[in-house]
Amino acid sequence: MPYPLAFALTLLVEVPLYVGALALDGTGRARATAAAVAVNCATHPALWWFLGRFTGATAAAYWTALTLAELAVVAVEAALLAPLAGCRGPLPYAASFTANAASVLAGMLVARGLAAG
């Protein structure tokens, strides 16, 4: 999948989830949207570059790299989200985990569809 499509898909999936989750803490829509886009701009390029190093690797190596990288992304996005959105406690971590899990799933489905023709 080309990078621009992957990044657009990530934003399409994650931003609404972040906005909805942050609304639970009273974060306004504009601030939540800006925070969601900012955390993805901070993590997505590095994630894409890192995972690109495993495209020719064994399935086990790729899935291990994907899992560890996504866990790191969840932690970094949550840590950035807390001050950017003004929220505390488990919410930024739960929102980050949920948003990233959803975008990984969406990415896998789209990649499968592109590969099928």
PDB file of N, CA and C in Angstrom:
ATOM      1  N   MET A   1       0.855  -1.177   0.000  1.00  0.00           N
ATOM      2  CA  MET A   1       0.000   0.000   0.000  1.00  0.00           C
ATOM      3  C   MET A   1       0.898   1.236   0.000  1.00  0.00           C
ATOM      4  N   PRO A   2       0.622   2.200  -0.857  1.00  0.00           N
ATOM      5  CA  PRO A   2       1.430   3.425  -0.874  1.00  0.00           C
ATOM      6  C   PRO A   2       1.251   4.213   0.432  1.00  0.00           C
ATOM      7  N   TYR A   3       2.333   4.904   0.815  1.00  0.00           N
ATOM      8  CA  TYR A   3       2.304   5.642   2.079  1.00  0.00           C
ATOM      9  C   TYR A   3       1.153   6.659   2.170  1.00  0.00           C
ATOM     10  N   PRO A   4       0.918   7.493   1.158  1.00  0.00           N
ATOM     11  CA  PRO A   4      -0.176   8.466   1.304  1.00  0.00           C
ATOM     12  C   PRO A   4      -1.529   7.800   1.588  1.00  0.00           C
ATOM     13  N   LEU A   5      -1.795   6.672   0.960  1.00  0.00           N
ATOM     14  CA  LEU A   5      -3.040   5.953   1.223  1.00  0.00           C
ATOM     15  C   LEU A   5      -3.062   5.420   2.657  1.00  0.00           C
ATOM     16  N   ALA A   6      -1.950   4.876   3.104  1.00  0.00           N
ATOM     17  CA  ALA A   6      -1.879   4.343   4.468  1.00  0.00           C
ATOM     18  C   ALA A   6      -2.093   5.446   5.501  1.00  0.00           C
ATOM     19  N   PHE A   7      -1.480   6.595   5.265  1.00  0.00           N
ATOM     20  CA  PHE A   7      -1.626   7.696   6.224  1.00  0.00           C
ATOM     21  C   PHE A   7      -3.055   8.244   6.209  1.00  0.00           C
ATOM     22  N   ALA A   8      -3.620   8.388   5.023  1.00  0.00           N
ATOM     23  CA  ALA A   8      -5.008   8.865   4.924  1.00  0.00           C
ATOM     24  C   ALA A   8      -5.967   7.896   5.606  1.00  0.00           C
ATOM     25  N   LEU A   9      -5.762   6.613   5.393  1.00  0.00           N
ATOM     26  CA  LEU A   9      -6.615   5.613   6.034  1.00  0.00           C
ATOM     27  C   LEU A   9      -6.482   5.675   7.553  1.00  0.00           C
ATOM     28  N   THR A  10      -5.257   5.831   8.024  1.00  0.00           N
ATOM     29  CA  THR A  10      -5.031   5.953   9.467  1.00  0.00           C
ATOM     30  C   THR A  10      -5.806   7.135  10.038  1.00  0.00           C
ATOM     31  N   LEU A  11      -5.704   8.277   9.386  1.00  0.00           N
ATOM     32  CA  LEU A  11      -6.426   9.461   9.874  1.00  0.00           C
ATOM     33  C   LEU A  11      -7.938   9.270   9.796  1.00  0.00           C
ATOM     34  N   LEU A  12      -8.391   8.667   8.710  1.00  0.00           N
ATOM     35  CA  LEU A  12      -9.828   8.434   8.528  1.00  0.00           C
ATOM     36  C   LEU A  12     -10.393   7.554   9.640  1.00  0.00           C
ATOM     37  N   VAL A  13      -9.630   6.583  10.062  1.00  0.00           N
ATOM     38  CA  VAL A  13     -10.093   5.662  11.100  1.00  0.00           C
ATOM     39  C   VAL A  13      -9.858   6.235  12.495  1.00  0.00           C
ATOM     40  N   GLU A  14      -8.662   6.746  12.751  1.00  0.00           N
ATOM     41  CA  GLU A  14      -8.286   7.115  14.110  1.00  0.00           C
ATOM     42  C   GLU A  14      -8.864   8.439  14.600  1.00  0.00           C
ATOM     43  N   VAL A  15      -8.918   9.438  13.745  1.00  0.00           N
ATOM     44  CA  VAL A  15      -9.366  10.759  14.223  1.00  0.00           C
ATOM     45  C   VAL A  15     -10.775  10.708  14.801  1.00  0.00           C
ATOM     46  N   PRO A  16     -11.762  10.121  14.127  1.00  0.00           N
ATOM     47  CA  PRO A  16     -13.098  10.071  14.744  1.00  0.00           C
ATOM     48  C   PRO A  16     -13.124   9.287  16.073  1.00  0.00           C
ATOM     49  N   LEU A  17     -12.321   8.238  16.152  1.00  0.00           N
ATOM     50  CA  LEU A  17     -12.277   7.473  17.405  1.00  0.00           C
ATOM     51  C   LEU A  17     -11.667   8.301  18.533  1.00  0.00           C
ATOM     52  N   TYR A  18     -10.590   9.002  18.230  1.00  0.00           N
ATOM     53  CA  TYR A  18      -9.990   9.878  19.239  1.00  0.00           C
ATOM     54  C   TYR A  18     -10.963  10.980  19.658  1.00  0.00           C
ATOM     55  N   VAL A  19     -11.607  11.596  18.692  1.00  0.00           N
ATOM     56  CA  VAL A  19     -12.546  12.687  19.008  1.00  0.00           C
ATOM     57  C   VAL A  19     -13.675  12.175  19.900  1.00  0.00           C
ATOM     58  N   GLY A  20     -14.221  11.021  19.565  1.00  0.00           N
ATOM     59  CA  GLY A  20     -15.286  10.445  20.386  1.00  0.00           C
ATOM     60  C   GLY A  20     -14.822  10.099  21.779  1.00  0.00           C
ATOM     61  N   ALA A  21     -13.653   9.495  21.884  1.00  0.00           N
ATOM     62  CA  ALA A  21     -13.131   9.113  23.197  1.00  0.00           C
ATOM     63  C   ALA A  21     -12.816  10.344  24.046  1.00  0.00           C
ATOM     64  N   LEU A  22     -12.198  11.343  23.441  1.00  0.00           N
ATOM     65  CA  LEU A  22     -11.828  12.539  24.199  1.00  0.00           C
ATOM     66  C   LEU A  22     -13.032  13.360  24.605  1.00  0.00           C
ATOM     67  N   ALA A  23     -14.128  13.225  23.873  1.00  0.00           N
ATOM     68  CA  ALA A  23     -15.368  13.913  24.269  1.00  0.00           C
ATOM     69  C   ALA A  23     -15.851  13.407  25.623  1.00  0.00           C
ATOM     70  N   LEU A  24     -15.529  12.160  25.951  1.00  0.00           N
ATOM     71  CA  LEU A  24     -15.913  11.599  27.249  1.00  0.00           C
ATOM     72  C   LEU A  24     -15.275  12.364  28.395  1.00  0.00           C
ATOM     73  N   ASP A  25     -14.133  12.985  28.119  1.00  0.00           N
ATOM     74  CA  ASP A  25     -13.417  13.756  29.137  1.00  0.00           C
ATOM     75  C   ASP A  25     -13.699  15.249  29.012  1.00  0.00           C
ATOM     76  N   GLY A  26     -14.579  15.610  28.088  1.00  0.00           N
ATOM     77  CA  GLY A  26     -14.939  17.010  27.921  1.00  0.00           C
ATOM     78  C   GLY A  26     -14.046  17.792  26.975  1.00  0.00           C
ATOM     79  N   THR A  27     -13.173  17.115  26.265  1.00  0.00           N
ATOM     80  CA  THR A  27     -12.318  17.807  25.298  1.00  0.00           C
ATOM     81  C   THR A  27     -13.168  18.225  24.105  1.00  0.00           C
ATOM     82  N   GLY A  28     -13.034  19.471  23.713  1.00  0.00           N
ATOM     83  CA  GLY A  28     -13.788  19.979  22.571  1.00  0.00           C
ATOM     84  C   GLY A  28     -13.367  19.323  21.272  1.00  0.00           C
ATOM     85  N   ARG A  29     -14.263  19.358  20.306  1.00  0.00           N
ATOM     86  CA  ARG A  29     -14.040  18.695  19.017  1.00  0.00           C
ATOM     87  C   ARG A  29     -12.793  19.224  18.295  1.00  0.00           C
ATOM     88  N   ALA A  30     -12.603  20.516  18.255  1.00  0.00           N
ATOM     89  CA  ALA A  30     -11.463  21.097  17.540  1.00  0.00           C
ATOM     90  C   ALA A  30     -10.146  20.693  18.199  1.00  0.00           C
ATOM     91  N   ARG A  31     -10.095  20.774  19.516  1.00  0.00           N
ATOM     92  CA  ARG A  31      -8.865  20.402  20.227  1.00  0.00           C
ATOM     93  C   ARG A  31      -8.590  18.906  20.078  1.00  0.00           C
ATOM     94  N   ALA A  32      -9.611  18.098  20.162  1.00  0.00           N
ATOM     95  CA  ALA A  32      -9.443  16.649  20.021  1.00  0.00           C
ATOM     96  C   ALA A  32      -8.981  16.290  18.611  1.00  0.00           C
ATOM     97  N   THR A  33      -9.550  16.945  17.618  1.00  0.00           N
ATOM     98  CA  THR A  33      -9.148  16.691  16.235  1.00  0.00           C
ATOM     99  C   THR A  33      -7.692  17.078  16.020  1.00  0.00           C
ATOM    100  N   ALA A  34      -7.324  18.249  16.490  1.00  0.00           N
ATOM    101  CA  ALA A  34      -5.940  18.706  16.348  1.00  0.00           C
ATOM    102  C   ALA A  34      -4.980  17.757  17.062  1.00  0.00           C
ATOM    103  N   ALA A  35      -5.344  17.310  18.251  1.00  0.00           N
ATOM    104  CA  ALA A  35      -4.492  16.380  18.997  1.00  0.00           C
ATOM    105  C   ALA A  35      -4.363  15.052  18.271  1.00  0.00           C
ATOM    106  N   ALA A  36      -5.463  14.548  17.730  1.00  0.00           N
ATOM    107  CA  ALA A  36      -5.446  13.272  17.013  1.00  0.00           C
ATOM    108  C   ALA A  36      -4.563  13.340  15.774  1.00  0.00           C
ATOM    109  N   VAL A  37      -4.674  14.410  15.028  1.00  0.00           N
ATOM    110  CA  VAL A  37      -3.849  14.566  13.835  1.00  0.00           C
ATOM    111  C   VAL A  37      -2.379  14.722  14.245  1.00  0.00           C
ATOM    112  N   ALA A  38      -2.121  15.500  15.277  1.00  0.00           N
ATOM    113  CA  ALA A  38      -0.738  15.740  15.715  1.00  0.00           C
ATOM    114  C   ALA A  38      -0.050  14.454  16.158  1.00  0.00           C
ATOM    115  N   VAL A  39      -0.734  13.633  16.956  1.00  0.00           N
ATOM    116  CA  VAL A  39      -0.076  12.404  17.424  1.00  0.00           C
ATOM    117  C   VAL A  39       0.195  11.460  16.264  1.00  0.00           C
ATOM    118  N   ASN A  40      -0.682  11.437  15.279  1.00  0.00           N
ATOM    119  CA  ASN A  40      -0.446  10.585  14.107  1.00  0.00           C
ATOM    120  C   ASN A  40       0.688  11.123  13.245  1.00  0.00           C
ATOM    121  N   CYS A  41       0.792  12.425  13.119  1.00  0.00           N
ATOM    122  CA  CYS A  41       1.913  13.015  12.380  1.00  0.00           C
ATOM    123  C   CYS A  41       3.238  12.716  13.077  1.00  0.00           C
ATOM    124  N   ALA A  42       3.206  12.596  14.381  1.00  0.00           N
ATOM    125  CA  ALA A  42       4.420  12.312  15.146  1.00  0.00           C
ATOM    126  C   ALA A  42       4.852  10.853  15.050  1.00  0.00           C
ATOM    127  N   THR A  43       3.908   9.931  14.907  1.00  0.00           N
ATOM    128  CA  THR A  43       4.262   8.510  14.973  1.00  0.00           C
ATOM    129  C   THR A  43       4.199   7.769  13.636  1.00  0.00           C
ATOM    130  N   HIS A  44       3.296   8.145  12.769  1.00  0.00           N
ATOM    131  CA  HIS A  44       3.066   7.351  11.566  1.00  0.00           C
ATOM    132  C   HIS A  44       4.285   7.255  10.641  1.00  0.00           C
ATOM    133  N   PRO A  45       4.989   8.350  10.349  1.00  0.00           N
ATOM    134  CA  PRO A  45       6.155   8.217   9.463  1.00  0.00           C
ATOM    135  C   PRO A  45       7.211   7.256  10.014  1.00  0.00           C
ATOM    136  N   ALA A  46       7.496   7.332  11.292  1.00  0.00           N
ATOM    137  CA  ALA A  46       8.499   6.440  11.890  1.00  0.00           C
ATOM    138  C   ALA A  46       8.026   4.988  11.868  1.00  0.00           C
ATOM    139  N   LEU A  47       6.758   4.776  12.150  1.00  0.00           N
ATOM    140  CA  LEU A  47       6.206   3.419  12.112  1.00  0.00           C
ATOM    141  C   LEU A  47       6.318   2.850  10.702  1.00  0.00           C
ATOM    142  N   TRP A  48       5.947   3.634   9.711  1.00  0.00           N
ATOM    143  CA  TRP A  48       5.984   3.178   8.318  1.00  0.00           C
ATOM    144  C   TRP A  48       7.411   2.831   7.904  1.00  0.00           C
ATOM    145  N   TRP A  49       8.360   3.698   8.267  1.00  0.00           N
ATOM    146  CA  TRP A  49       9.754   3.450   7.931  1.00  0.00           C
ATOM    147  C   TRP A  49      10.235   2.163   8.609  1.00  0.00           C
ATOM    148  N   PHE A  50       9.946   2.018   9.886  1.00  0.00           N
ATOM    149  CA  PHE A  50      10.386   0.837  10.631  1.00  0.00           C
ATOM    150  C   PHE A  50       9.808  -0.444  10.034  1.00  0.00           C
ATOM    151  N   LEU A  51       8.517  -0.460   9.793  1.00  0.00           N
ATOM    152  CA  LEU A  51       7.890  -1.676   9.266  1.00  0.00           C
ATOM    153  C   LEU A  51       8.358  -1.996   7.847  1.00  0.00           C
ATOM    154  N   GLY A  52       8.741  -0.972   7.100  1.00  0.00           N
ATOM    155  CA  GLY A  52       9.268  -1.191   5.759  1.00  0.00           C
ATOM    156  C   GLY A  52      10.525  -2.044   5.747  1.00  0.00           C
ATOM    157  N   ARG A  53      11.239  -2.043   6.837  1.00  0.00           N
ATOM    158  CA  ARG A  53      12.450  -2.846   6.961  1.00  0.00           C
ATOM    159  C   ARG A  53      12.139  -4.337   7.093  1.00  0.00           C
ATOM    160  N   PHE A  54      10.860  -4.676   7.315  1.00  0.00           N
ATOM    161  CA  PHE A  54      10.471  -6.070   7.525  1.00  0.00           C
ATOM    162  C   PHE A  54       9.601  -6.633   6.411  1.00  0.00           C
ATOM    163  N   THR A  55       9.441  -5.898   5.323  1.00  0.00           N
ATOM    164  CA  THR A  55       8.552  -6.379   4.259  1.00  0.00           C
ATOM    165  C   THR A  55       9.049  -7.663   3.609  1.00  0.00           C
ATOM    166  N   GLY A  56      10.337  -7.872   3.548  1.00  0.00           N
ATOM    167  CA  GLY A  56      10.865  -9.099   2.955  1.00  0.00           C
ATOM    168  C   GLY A  56      11.206 -10.163   3.986  1.00  0.00           C
ATOM    169  N   ALA A  57      10.905  -9.903   5.229  1.00  0.00           N
ATOM    170  CA  ALA A  57      11.251 -10.825   6.314  1.00  0.00           C
ATOM    171  C   ALA A  57      10.237 -11.964   6.399  1.00  0.00           C
ATOM    172  N   THR A  58      10.522 -12.888   7.253  1.00  0.00           N
ATOM    173  CA  THR A  58       9.583 -13.983   7.479  1.00  0.00           C
ATOM    174  C   THR A  58       8.313 -13.426   8.106  1.00  0.00           C
ATOM    175  N   ALA A  59       7.253 -14.194   8.007  1.00  0.00           N
ATOM    176  CA  ALA A  59       5.978 -13.771   8.608  1.00  0.00           C
ATOM    177  C   ALA A  59       6.130 -13.564  10.101  1.00  0.00           C
ATOM    178  N   ALA A  60       6.854 -14.455  10.759  1.00  0.00           N
ATOM    179  CA  ALA A  60       7.042 -14.335  12.209  1.00  0.00           C
ATOM    180  C   ALA A  60       7.779 -13.046  12.567  1.00  0.00           C
ATOM    181  N   ALA A  61       8.812 -12.722  11.792  1.00  0.00           N
ATOM    182  CA  ALA A  61       9.564 -11.493  12.060  1.00  0.00           C
ATOM    183  C   ALA A  61       8.694 -10.265  11.826  1.00  0.00           C
ATOM    184  N   TYR A  62       7.918 -10.274  10.729  1.00  0.00           N
ATOM    185  CA  TYR A  62       7.056  -9.127  10.442  1.00  0.00           C
ATOM    186  C   TYR A  62       6.011  -8.936  11.532  1.00  0.00           C
ATOM    187  N   TRP A  63       5.323 -10.003  11.939  1.00  0.00           N
ATOM    188  CA  TRP A  63       4.265  -9.886  12.944  1.00  0.00           C
ATOM    189  C   TRP A  63       4.827  -9.482  14.311  1.00  0.00           C
ATOM    190  N   THR A  64       6.026  -9.955  14.616  1.00  0.00           N
ATOM    191  CA  THR A  64       6.669  -9.536  15.864  1.00  0.00           C
ATOM    192  C   THR A  64       6.994  -8.046  15.809  1.00  0.00           C
ATOM    193  N   ALA A  65       7.572  -7.603  14.695  1.00  0.00           N
ATOM    194  CA  ALA A  65       7.902  -6.185  14.534  1.00  0.00           C
ATOM    195  C   ALA A  65       6.646  -5.323  14.574  1.00  0.00           C
ATOM    196  N   LEU A  66       5.599  -5.767  13.891  1.00  0.00           N
ATOM    197  CA  LEU A  66       4.345  -5.012  13.883  1.00  0.00           C
ATOM    198  C   LEU A  66       3.779  -4.877  15.293  1.00  0.00           C
ATOM    199  N   THR A  67       3.750  -5.966  16.015  1.00  0.00           N
ATOM    200  CA  THR A  67       3.189  -5.940  17.375  1.00  0.00           C
ATOM    201  C   THR A  67       3.984  -5.013  18.286  1.00  0.00           C
ATOM    202  N   LEU A  68       5.291  -5.154  18.287  1.00  0.00           N
ATOM    203  CA  LEU A  68       6.122  -4.308  19.154  1.00  0.00           C
ATOM    204  C   LEU A  68       6.052  -2.842  18.743  1.00  0.00           C
ATOM    205  N   ALA A  69       6.055  -2.597  17.437  1.00  0.00           N
ATOM    206  CA  ALA A  69       5.989  -1.216  16.957  1.00  0.00           C
ATOM    207  C   ALA A  69       4.653  -0.577  17.304  1.00  0.00           C
ATOM    208  N   GLU A  70       3.562  -1.299  17.130  1.00  0.00           N
ATOM    209  CA  GLU A  70       2.251  -0.737  17.456  1.00  0.00           C
ATOM    210  C   GLU A  70       2.106  -0.483  18.952  1.00  0.00           C
ATOM    211  N   LEU A  71       2.672  -1.352  19.779  1.00  0.00           N
ATOM    212  CA  LEU A  71       2.643  -1.100  21.227  1.00  0.00           C
ATOM    213  C   LEU A  71       3.415   0.164  21.572  1.00  0.00           C
ATOM    214  N   ALA A  72       4.539   0.377  20.900  1.00  0.00           N
ATOM    215  CA  ALA A  72       5.302   1.602  21.118  1.00  0.00           C
ATOM    216  C   ALA A  72       4.512   2.825  20.650  1.00  0.00           C
ATOM    217  N   VAL A  73       3.840   2.704  19.513  1.00  0.00           N
ATOM    218  CA  VAL A  73       3.021   3.803  18.995  1.00  0.00           C
ATOM    219  C   VAL A  73       1.893   4.132  19.971  1.00  0.00           C
ATOM    220  N   VAL A  74       1.239   3.107  20.507  1.00  0.00           N
ATOM    221  CA  VAL A  74       0.166   3.332  21.480  1.00  0.00           C
ATOM    222  C   VAL A  74       0.708   4.131  22.667  1.00  0.00           C
ATOM    223  N   ALA A  75       1.854   3.739  23.186  1.00  0.00           N
ATOM    224  CA  ALA A  75       2.430   4.429  24.340  1.00  0.00           C
ATOM    225  C   ALA A  75       2.813   5.864  24.013  1.00  0.00           C
ATOM    226  N   VAL A  76       3.451   6.071  22.868  1.00  0.00           N
ATOM    227  CA  VAL A  76       3.877   7.425  22.482  1.00  0.00           C
ATOM    228  C   VAL A  76       2.665   8.317  22.215  1.00  0.00           C
ATOM    229  N   GLU A  77       1.686   7.804  21.468  1.00  0.00           N
ATOM    230  CA  GLU A  77       0.504   8.616  21.173  1.00  0.00           C
ATOM    231  C   GLU A  77      -0.250   8.971  22.450  1.00  0.00           C
ATOM    232  N   ALA A  78      -0.365   8.028  23.369  1.00  0.00           N
ATOM    233  CA  ALA A  78      -1.061   8.316  24.627  1.00  0.00           C
ATOM    234  C   ALA A  78      -0.309   9.372  25.432  1.00  0.00           C
ATOM    235  N   ALA A  79       1.010   9.249  25.482  1.00  0.00           N
ATOM    236  CA  ALA A  79       1.813  10.222  26.225  1.00  0.00           C
ATOM    237  C   ALA A  79       1.709  11.617  25.616  1.00  0.00           C
ATOM    238  N   LEU A  80       1.629  11.693  24.299  1.00  0.00           N
ATOM    239  CA  LEU A  80       1.473  12.990  23.630  1.00  0.00           C
ATOM    240  C   LEU A  80       0.039  13.509  23.738  1.00  0.00           C
ATOM    241  N   LEU A  81      -0.900  12.604  23.690  1.00  0.00           N
ATOM    242  CA  LEU A  81      -2.313  12.973  23.703  1.00  0.00           C
ATOM    243  C   LEU A  81      -2.711  13.633  25.023  1.00  0.00           C
ATOM    244  N   ALA A  82      -2.188  13.134  26.114  1.00  0.00           N
ATOM    245  CA  ALA A  82      -2.570  13.665  27.422  1.00  0.00           C
ATOM    246  C   ALA A  82      -2.375  15.181  27.517  1.00  0.00           C
ATOM    247  N   PRO A  83      -1.184  15.706  27.235  1.00  0.00           N
ATOM    248  CA  PRO A  83      -1.047  17.168  27.321  1.00  0.00           C
ATOM    249  C   PRO A  83      -1.728  17.923  26.173  1.00  0.00           C
ATOM    250  N   LEU A  84      -1.722  17.325  24.983  1.00  0.00           N
ATOM    251  CA  LEU A  84      -2.333  18.011  23.843  1.00  0.00           C
ATOM    252  C   LEU A  84      -3.851  18.152  23.994  1.00  0.00           C
ATOM    253  N   ALA A  85      -4.483  17.127  24.535  1.00  0.00           N
ATOM    254  CA  ALA A  85      -5.941  17.151  24.681  1.00  0.00           C
ATOM    255  C   ALA A  85      -6.371  17.543  26.079  1.00  0.00           C
ATOM    256  N   GLY A  86      -5.418  17.622  26.996  1.00  0.00           N
ATOM    257  CA  GLY A  86      -5.748  18.019  28.364  1.00  0.00           C
ATOM    258  C   GLY A  86      -6.513  16.951  29.127  1.00  0.00           C
ATOM    259  N   CYS A  87      -6.157  15.696  28.920  1.00  0.00           N
ATOM    260  CA  CYS A  87      -6.847  14.616  29.640  1.00  0.00           C
ATOM    261  C   CYS A  87      -5.840  13.817  30.451  1.00  0.00           C
ATOM    262  N   ARG A  88      -6.373  13.060  31.415  1.00  0.00           N
ATOM    263  CA  ARG A  88      -5.511  12.294  32.313  1.00  0.00           C
ATOM    264  C   ARG A  88      -6.037  10.893  32.510  1.00  0.00           C
ATOM    265  N   GLY A  89      -5.306  10.170  33.338  1.00  0.00           N
ATOM    266  CA  GLY A  89      -5.747   8.838  33.712  1.00  0.00           C
ATOM    267  C   GLY A  89      -5.618   7.859  32.569  1.00  0.00           C
ATOM    268  N   PRO A  90      -6.463   6.849  32.569  1.00  0.00           N
ATOM    269  CA  PRO A  90      -6.353   5.802  31.552  1.00  0.00           C
ATOM    270  C   PRO A  90      -6.940   6.187  30.190  1.00  0.00           C
ATOM    271  N   LEU A  91      -7.685   7.275  30.109  1.00  0.00           N
ATOM    272  CA  LEU A  91      -8.357   7.618  28.849  1.00  0.00           C
ATOM    273  C   LEU A  91      -7.414   7.747  27.660  1.00  0.00           C
ATOM    274  N   PRO A  92      -6.301   8.475  27.755  1.00  0.00           N
ATOM    275  CA  PRO A  92      -5.446   8.568  26.569  1.00  0.00           C
ATOM    276  C   PRO A  92      -4.894   7.207  26.125  1.00  0.00           C
ATOM    277  N   TYR A  93      -4.642   6.328  27.079  1.00  0.00           N
ATOM    278  CA  TYR A  93      -4.114   4.997  26.747  1.00  0.00           C
ATOM    279  C   TYR A  93      -5.202   4.123  26.117  1.00  0.00           C
ATOM    280  N   ALA A  94      -6.384   4.168  26.676  1.00  0.00           N
ATOM    281  CA  ALA A  94      -7.489   3.390  26.109  1.00  0.00           C
ATOM    282  C   ALA A  94      -7.852   3.906  24.720  1.00  0.00           C
ATOM    283  N   ALA A  95      -7.865   5.224  24.560  1.00  0.00           N
ATOM    284  CA  ALA A  95      -8.181   5.808  23.252  1.00  0.00           C
ATOM    285  C   ALA A  95      -7.113   5.443  22.231  1.00  0.00           C
ATOM    286  N   SER A  96      -5.855   5.539  22.617  1.00  0.00           N
ATOM    287  CA  SER A  96      -4.766   5.213  21.701  1.00  0.00           C
ATOM    288  C   SER A  96      -4.789   3.745  21.314  1.00  0.00           C
ATOM    289  N   PHE A  97      -4.994   2.875  22.270  1.00  0.00           N
ATOM    290  CA  PHE A  97      -5.045   1.441  21.964  1.00  0.00           C
ATOM    291  C   PHE A  97      -6.191   1.136  21.005  1.00  0.00           C
ATOM    292  N   THR A  98      -7.359   1.689  21.290  1.00  0.00           N
ATOM    293  CA  THR A  98      -8.535   1.430  20.463  1.00  0.00           C
ATOM    294  C   THR A  98      -8.349   1.985  19.049  1.00  0.00           C
ATOM    295  N   ALA A  99      -7.892   3.227  18.951  1.00  0.00           N
ATOM    296  CA  ALA A  99      -7.716   3.860  17.643  1.00  0.00           C
ATOM    297  C   ALA A  99      -6.680   3.108  16.811  1.00  0.00           C
ATOM    298  N   ASN A 100      -5.580   2.731  17.422  1.00  0.00           N
ATOM    299  CA  ASN A 100      -4.531   2.038  16.673  1.00  0.00           C
ATOM    300  C   ASN A 100      -4.932   0.627  16.298  1.00  0.00           C
ATOM    301  N   ALA A 101      -5.639  -0.068  17.168  1.00  0.00           N
ATOM    302  CA  ALA A 101      -6.118  -1.415  16.819  1.00  0.00           C
ATOM    303  C   ALA A 101      -7.076  -1.336  15.633  1.00  0.00           C
ATOM    304  N   ALA A 102      -7.947  -0.341  15.659  1.00  0.00           N
ATOM    305  CA  ALA A 102      -8.908  -0.186  14.554  1.00  0.00           C
ATOM    306  C   ALA A 102      -8.201   0.146  13.246  1.00  0.00           C
ATOM    307  N   SER A 103      -7.182   0.999  13.304  1.00  0.00           N
ATOM    308  CA  SER A 103      -6.511   1.367  12.054  1.00  0.00           C
ATOM    309  C   SER A 103      -5.637   0.226  11.526  1.00  0.00           C
ATOM    310  N   VAL A 104      -5.063  -0.581  12.412  1.00  0.00           N
ATOM    311  CA  VAL A 104      -4.319  -1.753  11.946  1.00  0.00           C
ATOM    312  C   VAL A 104      -5.270  -2.705  11.227  1.00  0.00           C
ATOM    313  N   LEU A 105      -6.416  -2.945  11.823  1.00  0.00           N
ATOM    314  CA  LEU A 105      -7.399  -3.829  11.195  1.00  0.00           C
ATOM    315  C   LEU A 105      -7.855  -3.269   9.844  1.00  0.00           C
ATOM    316  N   ALA A 106      -8.162  -1.987   9.803  1.00  0.00           N
ATOM    317  CA  ALA A 106      -8.582  -1.369   8.545  1.00  0.00           C
ATOM    318  C   ALA A 106      -7.479  -1.463   7.498  1.00  0.00           C
ATOM    319  N   GLY A 107      -6.247  -1.227   7.914  1.00  0.00           N
ATOM    320  CA  GLY A 107      -5.127  -1.323   6.989  1.00  0.00           C
ATOM    321  C   GLY A 107      -4.965  -2.724   6.424  1.00  0.00           C
ATOM    322  N   MET A 108      -5.132  -3.715   7.272  1.00  0.00           N
ATOM    323  CA  MET A 108      -5.031  -5.103   6.803  1.00  0.00           C
ATOM    324  C   MET A 108      -6.138  -5.429   5.805  1.00  0.00           C
ATOM    325  N   LEU A 109      -7.336  -4.958   6.082  1.00  0.00           N
ATOM    326  CA  LEU A 109      -8.450  -5.223   5.173  1.00  0.00           C
ATOM    327  C   LEU A 109      -8.251  -4.522   3.831  1.00  0.00           C
ATOM    328  N   VAL A 110      -7.813  -3.282   3.862  1.00  0.00           N
ATOM    329  CA  VAL A 110      -7.588  -2.558   2.610  1.00  0.00           C
ATOM    330  C   VAL A 110      -6.436  -3.186   1.830  1.00  0.00           C
ATOM    331  N   ALA A 111      -5.355  -3.529   2.516  1.00  0.00           N
ATOM    332  CA  ALA A 111      -4.214  -4.156   1.835  1.00  0.00           C
ATOM    333  C   ALA A 111      -4.621  -5.469   1.205  1.00  0.00           C
ATOM    334  N   ARG A 112      -5.434  -6.221   1.901  1.00  0.00           N
ATOM    335  CA  ARG A 112      -5.922  -7.504   1.346  1.00  0.00           C
ATOM    336  C   ARG A 112      -6.766  -7.254   0.097  1.00  0.00           C
ATOM    337  N   GLY A 113      -7.635  -6.236   0.158  1.00  0.00           N
ATOM    338  CA  GLY A 113      -8.464  -5.887  -0.994  1.00  0.00           C
ATOM    339  C   GLY A 113      -7.625  -5.429  -2.170  1.00  0.00           C
ATOM    340  N   LEU A 114      -6.576  -4.636  -1.919  1.00  0.00           N
ATOM    341  CA  LEU A 114      -5.701  -4.173  -2.996  1.00  0.00           C
ATOM    342  C   LEU A 114      -4.935  -5.346  -3.612  1.00  0.00           C
ATOM    343  N   ALA A 115      -4.509  -6.286  -2.774  1.00  0.00           N
ATOM    344  CA  ALA A 115      -3.766  -7.433  -3.280  1.00  0.00           C
ATOM    345  C   ALA A 115      -4.662  -8.368  -4.106  1.00  0.00           C
ATOM    346  N   ALA A 116      -5.940  -8.417  -3.752  1.00  0.00           N
ATOM    347  CA  ALA A 116      -6.880  -9.294  -4.459  1.00  0.00           C
ATOM    348  C   ALA A 116      -7.227  -8.743  -5.839  1.00  0.00           C
ATOM    349  N   GLY A 117      -6.987  -7.475  -6.021  1.00  0.00           N
ATOM    350  CA  GLY A 117      -7.233  -6.934  -7.354  1.00  0.00           C
ATOM    351  C   GLY A 117      -8.311  -5.957  -7.371  1.00  0.00           C
TER     352      GLY A 117
END
